[in-house]
Structures are given as structure tokens and as C-alpha cells.
Amino acid sequence: MSKLVLRISALVAIGLSGLATADAAIVQTVRTSSTFTTMGGAQVEAIAWCQAGEVVSGGGHNMTYGDGLFIYYNGPVTSGSLQGWKFRFWLASVPIPPGSSVGTAFAVCLKQQ
């Protein structure tokens, strides 16, 4: 997990002023999913969730090795009031060695403080 504190003046410059009040700080935290492992030939889904009170502002994924990657979805997701980032894909195969591919999804979460 990494954190970055942004002052409201910086957020106004990038159009996020609706998230904060005067003299407030926005804290950015990168959250990650559980690590996935696949040997290929299967559909895999990983979700990184923001904590309660945080909003997702972006995200993505990282993974090792693989041939024939087809991404079904790589974008924001919600469950009730929680927000996060979903990475859903199919991987045709993984060269041997290593024989498996590992990775995570990550969500960039913002919270006013």
C-alpha cells in the first residue's frame, strides 16, 4: 500500500474539486487484490477493493508471463457502497518454465481528510 497526500489546490487543477472542501487534503492509497496464479486455459478475475469512505479514481493490473491474453474487463466495480477495480481475463497458455502466471489487480483510492 502506498499513500500520497494532495492539497485541494492541486485537485482543482485536475478537476477533482467536487470531492473536497476548502483546506481539506485528499489522501491517495493504492490497494491490491489477493495474488492470482493461473497455468493458462482458464478465466481469472481479481478485484482490488477500496475501503469504506474511499472512492476509486483508477486502477489496473500486473502479471507475469503468458500467451494469448484476452481481457474481458479492466475497470471500476462497485458492491453496495464499496468501490474497487476489477481485472477479468483469459490466458491461453504459459510457457514452461515457469508454467504459471501470477499477478494482482490494483485500485487507486481517494479519501478526503
PDB file of N, CA and C in Angstrom:
ATOM      1  N   MET A   1       0.846  -1.159   0.000  1.00  0.00           N
ATOM      2  CA  MET A   1       0.000   0.000   0.000  1.00  0.00           C
ATOM      3  C   MET A   1       0.894   1.226   0.000  1.00  0.00           C
ATOM      4  N   SER A   2       0.582   2.191  -0.876  1.00  0.00           N
ATOM      5  CA  SER A   2       1.314   3.454  -0.874  1.00  0.00           C
ATOM      6  C   SER A   2       0.326   4.588  -0.691  1.00  0.00           C
ATOM      7  N   LYS A   3       0.796   5.673  -0.113  1.00  0.00           N
ATOM      8  CA  LYS A   3      -0.088   6.809   0.139  1.00  0.00           C
ATOM      9  C   LYS A   3       0.529   8.081  -0.412  1.00  0.00           C
ATOM     10  N   LEU A   4      -0.342   8.983  -0.824  1.00  0.00           N
ATOM     11  CA  LEU A   4       0.056  10.276  -1.330  1.00  0.00           C
ATOM     12  C   LEU A   4      -0.983  11.276  -0.852  1.00  0.00           C
ATOM     13  N   VAL A   5      -0.558  12.370  -0.269  1.00  0.00           N
ATOM     14  CA  VAL A   5      -1.484  13.405   0.196  1.00  0.00           C
ATOM     15  C   VAL A   5      -1.439  14.561  -0.790  1.00  0.00           C
ATOM     16  N   LEU A   6      -2.595  14.943  -1.287  1.00  0.00           N
ATOM     17  CA  LEU A   6      -2.712  16.046  -2.230  1.00  0.00           C
ATOM     18  C   LEU A   6      -3.464  17.198  -1.573  1.00  0.00           C
ATOM     19  N   ARG A   7      -3.006  18.391  -1.737  1.00  0.00           N
ATOM     20  CA  ARG A   7      -3.726  19.557  -1.235  1.00  0.00           C
ATOM     21  C   ARG A   7      -4.831  19.912  -2.219  1.00  0.00           C
ATOM     22  N   ILE A   8      -5.854  20.568  -1.740  1.00  0.00           N
ATOM     23  CA  ILE A   8      -7.025  20.890  -2.554  1.00  0.00           C
ATOM     24  C   ILE A   8      -6.657  21.721  -3.782  1.00  0.00           C
ATOM     25  N   SER A   9      -5.656  22.599  -3.705  1.00  0.00           N
ATOM     26  CA  SER A   9      -5.281  23.412  -4.869  1.00  0.00           C
ATOM     27  C   SER A   9      -4.818  22.532  -6.026  1.00  0.00           C
ATOM     28  N   ALA A  10      -4.141  21.433  -5.739  1.00  0.00           N
ATOM     29  CA  ALA A  10      -3.708  20.521  -6.800  1.00  0.00           C
ATOM     30  C   ALA A  10      -4.902  19.813  -7.419  1.00  0.00           C
ATOM     31  N   LEU A  11      -5.903  19.497  -6.619  1.00  0.00           N
ATOM     32  CA  LEU A  11      -7.077  18.805  -7.135  1.00  0.00           C
ATOM     33  C   LEU A  11      -7.922  19.697  -8.026  1.00  0.00           C
ATOM     34  N   VAL A  12      -7.993  20.975  -7.701  1.00  0.00           N
ATOM     35  CA  VAL A  12      -8.741  21.909  -8.539  1.00  0.00           C
ATOM     36  C   VAL A  12      -8.122  21.937  -9.931  1.00  0.00           C
ATOM     37  N   ALA A  13      -6.814  21.876 -10.010  1.00  0.00           N
ATOM     38  CA  ALA A  13      -6.116  21.918 -11.296  1.00  0.00           C
ATOM     39  C   ALA A  13      -6.442  20.703 -12.154  1.00  0.00           C
ATOM     40  N   ILE A  14      -6.775  19.560 -11.528  1.00  0.00           N
ATOM     41  CA  ILE A  14      -7.083  18.369 -12.331  1.00  0.00           C
ATOM     42  C   ILE A  14      -8.567  18.018 -12.316  1.00  0.00           C
ATOM     43  N   GLY A  15      -9.399  18.905 -11.790  1.00  0.00           N
ATOM     44  CA  GLY A  15     -10.838  18.730 -11.894  1.00  0.00           C
ATOM     45  C   GLY A  15     -11.482  17.866 -10.837  1.00  0.00           C
ATOM     46  N   LEU A  16     -10.869  17.674  -9.685  1.00  0.00           N
ATOM     47  CA  LEU A  16     -11.457  16.859  -8.627  1.00  0.00           C
ATOM     48  C   LEU A  16     -11.956  17.690  -7.459  1.00  0.00           C
ATOM     49  N   SER A  17     -12.208  18.957  -7.677  1.00  0.00           N
ATOM     50  CA  SER A  17     -12.585  19.841  -6.584  1.00  0.00           C
ATOM     51  C   SER A  17     -13.908  19.464  -5.935  1.00  0.00           C
ATOM     52  N   GLY A  18     -14.780  18.744  -6.624  1.00  0.00           N
ATOM     53  CA  GLY A  18     -16.055  18.344  -6.037  1.00  0.00           C
ATOM     54  C   GLY A  18     -15.908  17.340  -4.908  1.00  0.00           C
ATOM     55  N   LEU A  19     -14.756  16.732  -4.744  1.00  0.00           N
ATOM     56  CA  LEU A  19     -14.534  15.748  -3.696  1.00  0.00           C
ATOM     57  C   LEU A  19     -14.120  16.359  -2.372  1.00  0.00           C
ATOM     58  N   ALA A  20     -13.748  17.614  -2.351  1.00  0.00           N
ATOM     59  CA  ALA A  20     -13.153  18.167  -1.140  1.00  0.00           C
ATOM     60  C   ALA A  20     -13.721  19.528  -0.783  1.00  0.00           C
ATOM     61  N   THR A  21     -13.574  19.874   0.494  1.00  0.00           N
ATOM     62  CA  THR A  21     -13.929  21.192   0.971  1.00  0.00           C
ATOM     63  C   THR A  21     -12.650  21.996   1.113  1.00  0.00           C
ATOM     64  N   ALA A  22     -12.783  23.315   1.340  1.00  0.00           N
ATOM     65  CA  ALA A  22     -11.616  24.182   1.480  1.00  0.00           C
ATOM     66  C   ALA A  22     -10.698  23.678   2.584  1.00  0.00           C
ATOM     67  N   ASP A  23      -9.403  23.793   2.351  1.00  0.00           N
ATOM     68  CA  ASP A  23      -8.362  23.391   3.299  1.00  0.00           C
ATOM     69  C   ASP A  23      -8.387  21.917   3.659  1.00  0.00           C
ATOM     70  N   ALA A  24      -9.020  21.094   2.848  1.00  0.00           N
ATOM     71  CA  ALA A  24      -9.020  19.648   3.081  1.00  0.00           C
ATOM     72  C   ALA A  24      -7.909  19.017   2.249  1.00  0.00           C
ATOM     73  N   ALA A  25      -7.474  17.875   2.700  1.00  0.00           N
ATOM     74  CA  ALA A  25      -6.477  17.110   1.935  1.00  0.00           C
ATOM     75  C   ALA A  25      -7.143  15.853   1.403  1.00  0.00           C
ATOM     76  N   ILE A  26      -6.738  15.431   0.229  1.00  0.00           N
ATOM     77  CA  ILE A  26      -7.191  14.173  -0.344  1.00  0.00           C
ATOM     78  C   ILE A  26      -6.020  13.196  -0.236  1.00  0.00           C
ATOM     79  N   VAL A  27      -6.273  12.053   0.368  1.00  0.00           N
ATOM     80  CA  VAL A  27      -5.240  11.037   0.520  1.00  0.00           C
ATOM     81  C   VAL A  27      -5.476   9.961  -0.533  1.00  0.00           C
ATOM     82  N   GLN A  28      -4.422   9.652  -1.283  1.00  0.00           N
ATOM     83  CA  GLN A  28      -4.484   8.612  -2.304  1.00  0.00           C
ATOM     84  C   GLN A  28      -3.793   7.366  -1.754  1.00  0.00           C
ATOM     85  N   THR A  29      -4.478   6.233  -1.849  1.00  0.00           N
ATOM     86  CA  THR A  29      -3.917   4.961  -1.407  1.00  0.00           C
ATOM     87  C   THR A  29      -4.097   3.938  -2.519  1.00  0.00           C
ATOM     88  N   VAL A  30      -3.051   3.198  -2.826  1.00  0.00           N
ATOM     89  CA  VAL A  30      -3.141   2.136  -3.817  1.00  0.00           C
ATOM     90  C   VAL A  30      -3.385   0.823  -3.072  1.00  0.00           C
ATOM     91  N   ARG A  31      -4.491   0.167  -3.382  1.00  0.00           N
ATOM     92  CA  ARG A  31      -4.856  -1.095  -2.741  1.00  0.00           C
ATOM     93  C   ARG A  31      -4.737  -2.218  -3.762  1.00  0.00           C
ATOM     94  N   THR A  32      -4.348  -3.392  -3.314  1.00  0.00           N
ATOM     95  CA  THR A  32      -4.164  -4.517  -4.224  1.00  0.00           C
ATOM     96  C   THR A  32      -5.072  -5.686  -3.859  1.00  0.00           C
ATOM     97  N   SER A  33      -5.356  -6.494  -4.866  1.00  0.00           N
ATOM     98  CA  SER A  33      -6.152  -7.704  -4.672  1.00  0.00           C
ATOM     99  C   SER A  33      -5.268  -8.805  -4.089  1.00  0.00           C
ATOM    100  N   SER A  34      -5.878  -9.919  -3.790  1.00  0.00           N
ATOM    101  CA  SER A  34      -5.112 -11.117  -3.483  1.00  0.00           C
ATOM    102  C   SER A  34      -4.355 -11.507  -4.746  1.00  0.00           C
ATOM    103  N   THR A  35      -3.234 -12.159  -4.588  1.00  0.00           N
ATOM    104  CA  THR A  35      -2.445 -12.613  -5.731  1.00  0.00           C
ATOM    105  C   THR A  35      -3.153 -13.772  -6.424  1.00  0.00           C
ATOM    106  N   PHE A  36      -3.229 -13.710  -7.754  1.00  0.00           N
ATOM    107  CA  PHE A  36      -3.794 -14.831  -8.510  1.00  0.00           C
ATOM    108  C   PHE A  36      -2.663 -15.609  -9.172  1.00  0.00           C
ATOM    109  N   THR A  37      -2.903 -16.885  -9.393  1.00  0.00           N
ATOM    110  CA  THR A  37      -1.982 -17.766 -10.110  1.00  0.00           C
ATOM    111  C   THR A  37      -2.791 -18.567 -11.111  1.00  0.00           C
ATOM    112  N   THR A  38      -2.327 -18.636 -12.353  1.00  0.00           N
ATOM    113  CA  THR A  38      -3.002 -19.429 -13.370  1.00  0.00           C
ATOM    114  C   THR A  38      -1.979 -20.137 -14.249  1.00  0.00           C
ATOM    115  N   MET A  39      -2.334 -21.312 -14.704  1.00  0.00           N
ATOM    116  CA  MET A  39      -1.480 -22.074 -15.619  1.00  0.00           C
ATOM    117  C   MET A  39      -1.934 -21.886 -17.064  1.00  0.00           C
ATOM    118  N   GLY A  40      -2.933 -21.042 -17.289  1.00  0.00           N
ATOM    119  CA  GLY A  40      -3.464 -20.803 -18.621  1.00  0.00           C
ATOM    120  C   GLY A  40      -4.663 -21.696 -18.892  1.00  0.00           C
ATOM    121  N   GLY A  41      -5.397 -21.366 -19.942  1.00  0.00           N
ATOM    122  CA  GLY A  41      -6.583 -22.125 -20.299  1.00  0.00           C
ATOM    123  C   GLY A  41      -7.739 -21.907 -19.355  1.00  0.00           C
ATOM    124  N   ALA A  42      -7.721 -20.802 -18.630  1.00  0.00           N
ATOM    125  CA  ALA A  42      -8.772 -20.541 -17.647  1.00  0.00           C
ATOM    126  C   ALA A  42      -9.077 -19.050 -17.580  1.00  0.00           C
ATOM    127  N   GLN A  43     -10.302 -18.746 -17.174  1.00  0.00           N
ATOM    128  CA  GLN A  43     -10.712 -17.370 -16.942  1.00  0.00           C
ATOM    129  C   GLN A  43     -10.394 -17.034 -15.485  1.00  0.00           C
ATOM    130  N   VAL A  44      -9.834 -15.859 -15.259  1.00  0.00           N
ATOM    131  CA  VAL A  44      -9.426 -15.439 -13.922  1.00  0.00           C
ATOM    132  C   VAL A  44      -9.987 -14.046 -13.654  1.00  0.00           C
ATOM    133  N   GLU A  45     -10.357 -13.804 -12.406  1.00  0.00           N
ATOM    134  CA  GLU A  45     -10.856 -12.486 -12.004  1.00  0.00           C
ATOM    135  C   GLU A  45     -10.173 -12.079 -10.713  1.00  0.00           C
ATOM    136  N   ALA A  46      -9.700 -10.848 -10.656  1.00  0.00           N
ATOM    137  CA  ALA A  46      -9.104 -10.294  -9.446  1.00  0.00           C
ATOM    138  C   ALA A  46      -9.739  -8.934  -9.204  1.00  0.00           C
ATOM    139  N   ILE A  47     -10.089  -8.648  -7.943  1.00  0.00           N
ATOM    140  CA  ILE A  47     -10.691  -7.360  -7.590  1.00  0.00           C
ATOM    141  C   ILE A  47      -9.934  -6.753  -6.420  1.00  0.00           C
ATOM    142  N   ALA A  48      -9.532  -5.502  -6.583  1.00  0.00           N
ATOM    143  CA  ALA A  48      -8.928  -4.727  -5.502  1.00  0.00           C
ATOM    144  C   ALA A  48      -9.996  -3.761  -4.997  1.00  0.00           C
ATOM    145  N   TRP A  49     -10.315  -3.832  -3.718  1.00  0.00           N
ATOM    146  CA  TRP A  49     -11.374  -3.004  -3.141  1.00  0.00           C
ATOM    147  C   TRP A  49     -10.806  -1.820  -2.373  1.00  0.00           C
ATOM    148  N   CYS A  50     -11.447  -0.658  -2.555  1.00  0.00           N
ATOM    149  CA  CYS A  50     -11.173   0.493  -1.707  1.00  0.00           C
ATOM    150  C   CYS A  50     -11.877   0.250  -0.374  1.00  0.00           C
ATOM    151  N   GLN A  51     -11.419   0.931   0.658  1.00  0.00           N
ATOM    152  CA  GLN A  51     -12.067   0.810   1.961  1.00  0.00           C
ATOM    153  C   GLN A  51     -13.279   1.725   2.025  1.00  0.00           C
ATOM    154  N   ALA A  52     -14.137   1.476   3.004  1.00  0.00           N
ATOM    155  CA  ALA A  52     -15.330   2.311   3.205  1.00  0.00           C
ATOM    156  C   ALA A  52     -14.910   3.774   3.311  1.00  0.00           C
ATOM    157  N   GLY A  53     -15.627   4.654   2.619  1.00  0.00           N
ATOM    158  CA  GLY A  53     -15.330   6.079   2.639  1.00  0.00           C
ATOM    159  C   GLY A  53     -14.353   6.514   1.560  1.00  0.00           C
ATOM    160  N   GLU A  54     -13.775   5.580   0.828  1.00  0.00           N
ATOM    161  CA  GLU A  54     -12.859   5.900  -0.265  1.00  0.00           C
ATOM    162  C   GLU A  54     -13.583   5.765  -1.599  1.00  0.00           C
ATOM    163  N   VAL A  55     -13.124   6.521  -2.595  1.00  0.00           N
ATOM    164  CA  VAL A  55     -13.652   6.393  -3.952  1.00  0.00           C
ATOM    165  C   VAL A  55     -12.524   5.956  -4.874  1.00  0.00           C
ATOM    166  N   VAL A  56     -12.858   5.098  -5.832  1.00  0.00           N
ATOM    167  CA  VAL A  56     -11.849   4.628  -6.775  1.00  0.00           C
ATOM    168  C   VAL A  56     -11.658   5.682  -7.864  1.00  0.00           C
ATOM    169  N   SER A  57     -10.412   6.014  -8.160  1.00  0.00           N
ATOM    170  CA  SER A  57     -10.136   7.004  -9.206  1.00  0.00           C
ATOM    171  C   SER A  57      -9.395   6.388 -10.388  1.00  0.00           C
ATOM    172  N   GLY A  58      -9.023   5.131 -10.264  1.00  0.00           N
ATOM    173  CA  GLY A  58      -8.322   4.446 -11.338  1.00  0.00           C
ATOM    174  C   GLY A  58      -7.837   3.099 -10.853  1.00  0.00           C
ATOM    175  N   GLY A  59      -7.120   2.408 -11.696  1.00  0.00           N
ATOM    176  CA  GLY A  59      -6.605   1.107 -11.306  1.00  0.00           C
ATOM    177  C   GLY A  59      -5.956   0.416 -12.477  1.00  0.00           C
ATOM    178  N   GLY A  60      -5.690  -0.858 -12.288  1.00  0.00           N
ATOM    179  CA  GLY A  60      -5.063  -1.632 -13.345  1.00  0.00           C
ATOM    180  C   GLY A  60      -4.673  -3.002 -12.840  1.00  0.00           C
ATOM    181  N   HIS A  61      -3.674  -3.576 -13.472  1.00  0.00           N
ATOM    182  CA  HIS A  61      -3.250  -4.922 -13.119  1.00  0.00           C
ATOM    183  C   HIS A  61      -1.774  -5.097 -13.442  1.00  0.00           C
ATOM    184  N   ASN A  62      -1.183  -6.122 -12.862  1.00  0.00           N
ATOM    185  CA  ASN A  62       0.153  -6.550 -13.248  1.00  0.00           C
ATOM    186  C   ASN A  62       0.165  -8.063 -13.242  1.00  0.00           C
ATOM    187  N   MET A  63       0.913  -8.650 -14.142  1.00  0.00           N
ATOM    188  CA  MET A  63       1.026 -10.109 -14.186  1.00  0.00           C
ATOM    189  C   MET A  63       2.291 -10.506 -14.923  1.00  0.00           C
ATOM    190  N   THR A  64       2.736 -11.726 -14.655  1.00  0.00           N
ATOM    191  CA  THR A  64       3.925 -12.250 -15.299  1.00  0.00           C
ATOM    192  C   THR A  64       3.532 -13.146 -16.461  1.00  0.00           C
ATOM    193  N   TYR A  65       4.393 -13.322 -17.399  1.00  0.00           N
ATOM    194  CA  TYR A  65       4.302 -14.309 -18.472  1.00  0.00           C
ATOM    195  C   TYR A  65       2.906 -14.544 -19.037  1.00  0.00           C
ATOM    196  N   GLY A  66       2.853 -15.223 -20.150  1.00  0.00           N
ATOM    197  CA  GLY A  66       1.597 -15.683 -20.708  1.00  0.00           C
ATOM    198  C   GLY A  66       1.462 -15.410 -22.186  1.00  0.00           C
ATOM    199  N   ASP A  67       0.748 -16.289 -22.856  1.00  0.00           N
ATOM    200  CA  ASP A  67       0.469 -16.159 -24.285  1.00  0.00           C
ATOM    201  C   ASP A  67      -1.036 -16.147 -24.501  1.00  0.00           C
ATOM    202  N   GLY A  68      -1.488 -15.355 -25.435  1.00  0.00           N
ATOM    203  CA  GLY A  68      -2.907 -15.336 -25.776  1.00  0.00           C
ATOM    204  C   GLY A  68      -3.778 -14.718 -24.703  1.00  0.00           C
ATOM    205  N   LEU A  69      -3.389 -13.527 -24.235  1.00  0.00           N
ATOM    206  CA  LEU A  69      -4.170 -12.836 -23.202  1.00  0.00           C
ATOM    207  C   LEU A  69      -5.376 -12.164 -23.831  1.00  0.00           C
ATOM    208  N   PHE A  70      -6.560 -12.460 -23.313  1.00  0.00           N
ATOM    209  CA  PHE A  70      -7.790 -11.789 -23.720  1.00  0.00           C
ATOM    210  C   PHE A  70      -8.398 -11.148 -22.484  1.00  0.00           C
ATOM    211  N   ILE A  71      -8.499  -9.820 -22.474  1.00  0.00           N
ATOM    212  CA  ILE A  71      -9.035  -9.098 -21.320  1.00  0.00           C
ATOM    213  C   ILE A  71     -10.526  -8.891 -21.517  1.00  0.00           C
ATOM    214  N   TYR A  72     -11.334  -9.462 -20.625  1.00  0.00           N
ATOM    215  CA  TYR A  72     -12.780  -9.276 -20.644  1.00  0.00           C
ATOM    216  C   TYR A  72     -13.149  -7.926 -20.044  1.00  0.00           C
ATOM    217  N   TYR A  73     -12.493  -7.576 -18.946  1.00  0.00           N
ATOM    218  CA  TYR A  73     -12.833  -6.326 -18.269  1.00  0.00           C
ATOM    219  C   TYR A  73     -11.644  -5.869 -17.444  1.00  0.00           C
ATOM    220  N   ASN A  74     -11.357  -4.585 -17.498  1.00  0.00           N
ATOM    221  CA  ASN A  74     -10.307  -3.962 -16.692  1.00  0.00           C
ATOM    222  C   ASN A  74     -10.819  -2.573 -16.358  1.00  0.00           C
ATOM    223  N   GLY A  75     -11.608  -2.473 -15.271  1.00  0.00           N
ATOM    224  CA  GLY A  75     -12.232  -1.197 -14.966  1.00  0.00           C
ATOM    225  C   GLY A  75     -12.862  -1.160 -13.590  1.00  0.00           C
ATOM    226  N   PRO A  76     -13.552  -0.058 -13.298  1.00  0.00           N
ATOM    227  CA  PRO A  76     -14.145   0.123 -11.970  1.00  0.00           C
ATOM    228  C   PRO A  76     -15.293  -0.848 -11.717  1.00  0.00           C
ATOM    229  N   VAL A  77     -15.513  -1.135 -10.425  1.00  0.00           N
ATOM    230  CA  VAL A  77     -16.574  -2.045  -9.999  1.00  0.00           C
ATOM    231  C   VAL A  77     -17.118  -1.556  -8.658  1.00  0.00           C
ATOM    232  N   THR A  78     -18.391  -1.833  -8.402  1.00  0.00           N
ATOM    233  CA  THR A  78     -18.992  -1.483  -7.113  1.00  0.00           C
ATOM    234  C   THR A  78     -19.696  -2.696  -6.524  1.00  0.00           C
ATOM    235  N   SER A  79     -19.816  -2.678  -5.213  1.00  0.00           N
ATOM    236  CA  SER A  79     -20.596  -3.668  -4.474  1.00  0.00           C
ATOM    237  C   SER A  79     -21.199  -2.943  -3.290  1.00  0.00           C
ATOM    238  N   GLY A  80     -22.484  -2.620  -3.403  1.00  0.00           N
ATOM    239  CA  GLY A  80     -23.095  -1.782  -2.366  1.00  0.00           C
ATOM    240  C   GLY A  80     -22.444  -0.417  -2.405  1.00  0.00           C
ATOM    241  N   SER A  81     -21.912   0.027  -1.264  1.00  0.00           N
ATOM    242  CA  SER A  81     -21.257   1.333  -1.217  1.00  0.00           C
ATOM    243  C   SER A  81     -19.746   1.240  -1.461  1.00  0.00           C
ATOM    244  N   LEU A  82     -19.214   0.034  -1.579  1.00  0.00           N
ATOM    245  CA  LEU A  82     -17.780  -0.126  -1.823  1.00  0.00           C
ATOM    246  C   LEU A  82     -17.451   0.028  -3.306  1.00  0.00           C
ATOM    247  N   GLN A  83     -16.286   0.592  -3.575  1.00  0.00           N
ATOM    248  CA  GLN A  83     -15.801   0.755  -4.942  1.00  0.00           C
ATOM    249  C   GLN A  83     -14.443   0.067  -5.074  1.00  0.00           C
ATOM    250  N   GLY A  84     -14.113  -0.355  -6.274  1.00  0.00           N
ATOM    251  CA  GLY A  84     -12.831  -1.006  -6.492  1.00  0.00           C
ATOM    252  C   GLY A  84     -12.500  -1.093  -7.965  1.00  0.00           C
ATOM    253  N   TRP A  85     -11.536  -1.969  -8.276  1.00  0.00           N
ATOM    254  CA  TRP A  85     -11.080  -2.160  -9.653  1.00  0.00           C
ATOM    255  C   TRP A  85     -11.035  -3.649  -9.951  1.00  0.00           C
ATOM    256  N   LYS A  86     -11.662  -4.050 -11.070  1.00  0.00           N
ATOM    257  CA  LYS A  86     -11.725  -5.462 -11.459  1.00  0.00           C
ATOM    258  C   LYS A  86     -10.886  -5.707 -12.710  1.00  0.00           C
ATOM    259  N   PHE A  87     -10.141  -6.809 -12.687  1.00  0.00           N
ATOM    260  CA  PHE A  87      -9.382  -7.285 -13.842  1.00  0.00           C
ATOM    261  C   PHE A  87      -9.838  -8.723 -14.095  1.00  0.00           C
ATOM    262  N   ARG A  88     -10.524  -8.938 -15.230  1.00  0.00           N
ATOM    263  CA  ARG A  88     -11.034 -10.261 -15.590  1.00  0.00           C
ATOM    264  C   ARG A  88     -10.479 -10.621 -16.955  1.00  0.00           C
ATOM    265  N   PHE A  89      -9.856 -11.796 -17.065  1.00  0.00           N
ATOM    266  CA  PHE A  89      -9.167 -12.142 -18.296  1.00  0.00           C
ATOM    267  C   PHE A  89      -9.144 -13.651 -18.518  1.00  0.00           C
ATOM    268  N   TRP A  90      -8.741 -14.020 -19.727  1.00  0.00           N
ATOM    269  CA  TRP A  90      -8.495 -15.409 -20.094  1.00  0.00           C
ATOM    270  C   TRP A  90      -7.096 -15.466 -20.668  1.00  0.00           C
ATOM    271  N   LEU A  91      -6.326 -16.446 -20.245  1.00  0.00           N
ATOM    272  CA  LEU A  91      -4.960 -16.621 -20.700  1.00  0.00           C
ATOM    273  C   LEU A  91      -4.853 -17.985 -21.356  1.00  0.00           C
ATOM    274  N   ALA A  92      -4.426 -18.011 -22.627  1.00  0.00           N
ATOM    275  CA  ALA A  92      -4.381 -19.272 -23.374  1.00  0.00           C
ATOM    276  C   ALA A  92      -3.367 -20.245 -22.792  1.00  0.00           C
ATOM    277  N   SER A  93      -2.146 -19.773 -22.568  1.00  0.00           N
ATOM    278  CA  SER A  93      -1.115 -20.685 -22.076  1.00  0.00           C
ATOM    279  C   SER A  93       0.012 -19.905 -21.420  1.00  0.00           C
ATOM    280  N   VAL A  94       0.838 -20.652 -20.686  1.00  0.00           N
ATOM    281  CA  VAL A  94       2.017 -20.087 -20.037  1.00  0.00           C
ATOM    282  C   VAL A  94       3.207 -20.956 -20.432  1.00  0.00           C
ATOM    283  N   PRO A  95       4.276 -20.350 -20.935  1.00  0.00           N
ATOM    284  CA  PRO A  95       5.445 -21.139 -21.331  1.00  0.00           C
ATOM    285  C   PRO A  95       6.027 -21.926 -20.151  1.00  0.00           C
ATOM    286  N   ILE A  96       6.623 -23.057 -20.461  1.00  0.00           N
ATOM    287  CA  ILE A  96       7.282 -23.858 -19.423  1.00  0.00           C
ATOM    288  C   ILE A  96       8.783 -23.756 -19.662  1.00  0.00           C
ATOM    289  N   PRO A  97       9.628 -23.457 -18.663  1.00  0.00           N
ATOM    290  CA  PRO A  97       9.197 -22.863 -17.406  1.00  0.00           C
ATOM    291  C   PRO A  97       8.735 -21.434 -17.613  1.00  0.00           C
ATOM    292  N   PRO A  98       8.022 -20.797 -16.761  1.00  0.00           N
ATOM    293  CA  PRO A  98       7.758 -21.157 -15.375  1.00  0.00           C
ATOM    294  C   PRO A  98       6.535 -22.048 -15.200  1.00  0.00           C
ATOM    295  N   GLY A  99       5.650 -22.086 -16.172  1.00  0.00           N
ATOM    296  CA  GLY A  99       4.478 -22.945 -16.055  1.00  0.00           C
ATOM    297  C   GLY A  99       3.271 -22.313 -15.407  1.00  0.00           C
ATOM    298  N   SER A 100       3.431 -21.130 -14.825  1.00  0.00           N
ATOM    299  CA  SER A 100       2.276 -20.425 -14.262  1.00  0.00           C
ATOM    300  C   SER A 100       2.514 -18.924 -14.334  1.00  0.00           C
ATOM    301  N   SER A 101       1.435 -18.181 -14.309  1.00  0.00           N
ATOM    302  CA  SER A 101       1.485 -16.728 -14.327  1.00  0.00           C
ATOM    303  C   SER A 101       0.856 -16.221 -13.042  1.00  0.00           C
ATOM    304  N   VAL A 102       1.458 -15.219 -12.427  1.00  0.00           N
ATOM    305  CA  VAL A 102       0.930 -14.644 -11.187  1.00  0.00           C
ATOM    306  C   VAL A 102       0.756 -13.141 -11.358  1.00  0.00           C
ATOM    307  N   GLY A 103      -0.130 -12.560 -10.564  1.00  0.00           N
ATOM    308  CA  GLY A 103      -0.339 -11.123 -10.639  1.00  0.00           C
ATOM    309  C   GLY A 103      -1.375 -10.647  -9.646  1.00  0.00           C
ATOM    310  N   THR A 104      -1.706  -9.375  -9.760  1.00  0.00           N
ATOM    311  CA  THR A 104      -2.717  -8.750  -8.906  1.00  0.00           C
ATOM    312  C   THR A 104      -3.452  -7.667  -9.696  1.00  0.00           C
ATOM    313  N   ALA A 105      -4.594  -7.286  -9.180  1.00  0.00           N
ATOM    314  CA  ALA A 105      -5.274  -6.073  -9.625  1.00  0.00           C
ATOM    315  C   ALA A 105      -4.962  -4.999  -8.585  1.00  0.00           C
ATOM    316  N   PHE A 106      -5.013  -3.731  -9.001  1.00  0.00           N
ATOM    317  CA  PHE A 106      -4.838  -2.661  -8.020  1.00  0.00           C
ATOM    318  C   PHE A 106      -5.838  -1.553  -8.277  1.00  0.00           C
ATOM    319  N   ALA A 107      -6.232  -0.895  -7.185  1.00  0.00           N
ATOM    320  CA  ALA A 107      -7.166   0.221  -7.248  1.00  0.00           C
ATOM    321  C   ALA A 107      -6.505   1.452  -6.645  1.00  0.00           C
ATOM    322  N   VAL A 108      -6.673   2.586  -7.301  1.00  0.00           N
ATOM    323  CA  VAL A 108      -6.191   3.869  -6.766  1.00  0.00           C
ATOM    324  C   VAL A 108      -7.396   4.491  -6.073  1.00  0.00           C
ATOM    325  N   CYS A 109      -7.312   4.615  -4.753  1.00  0.00           N
ATOM    326  CA  CYS A 109      -8.446   5.058  -3.935  1.00  0.00           C
ATOM    327  C   CYS A 109      -8.160   6.431  -3.337  1.00  0.00           C
ATOM    328  N   LEU A 110      -9.190   7.278  -3.297  1.00  0.00           N
ATOM    329  CA  LEU A 110      -9.074   8.627  -2.738  1.00  0.00           C
ATOM    330  C   LEU A 110     -10.008   8.782  -1.548  1.00  0.00           C
ATOM    331  N   LYS A 111      -9.538   9.540  -0.551  1.00  0.00           N
ATOM    332  CA  LYS A 111     -10.369   9.832   0.620  1.00  0.00           C
ATOM    333  C   LYS A 111     -10.052  11.235   1.112  1.00  0.00           C
ATOM    334  N   GLN A 112     -11.094  11.983   1.435  1.00  0.00           N
ATOM    335  CA  GLN A 112     -10.915  13.326   1.979  1.00  0.00           C
ATOM    336  C   GLN A 112     -10.570  13.247   3.451  1.00  0.00           C
ATOM    337  N   GLN A 113      -9.565  14.053   3.875  1.00  0.00           N
ATOM    338  CA  GLN A 113      -9.215  14.104   5.306  1.00  0.00           C
ATOM    339  C   GLN A 113      -9.147  15.526   5.774  1.00  0.00           C
TER     340      GLN A 113
END
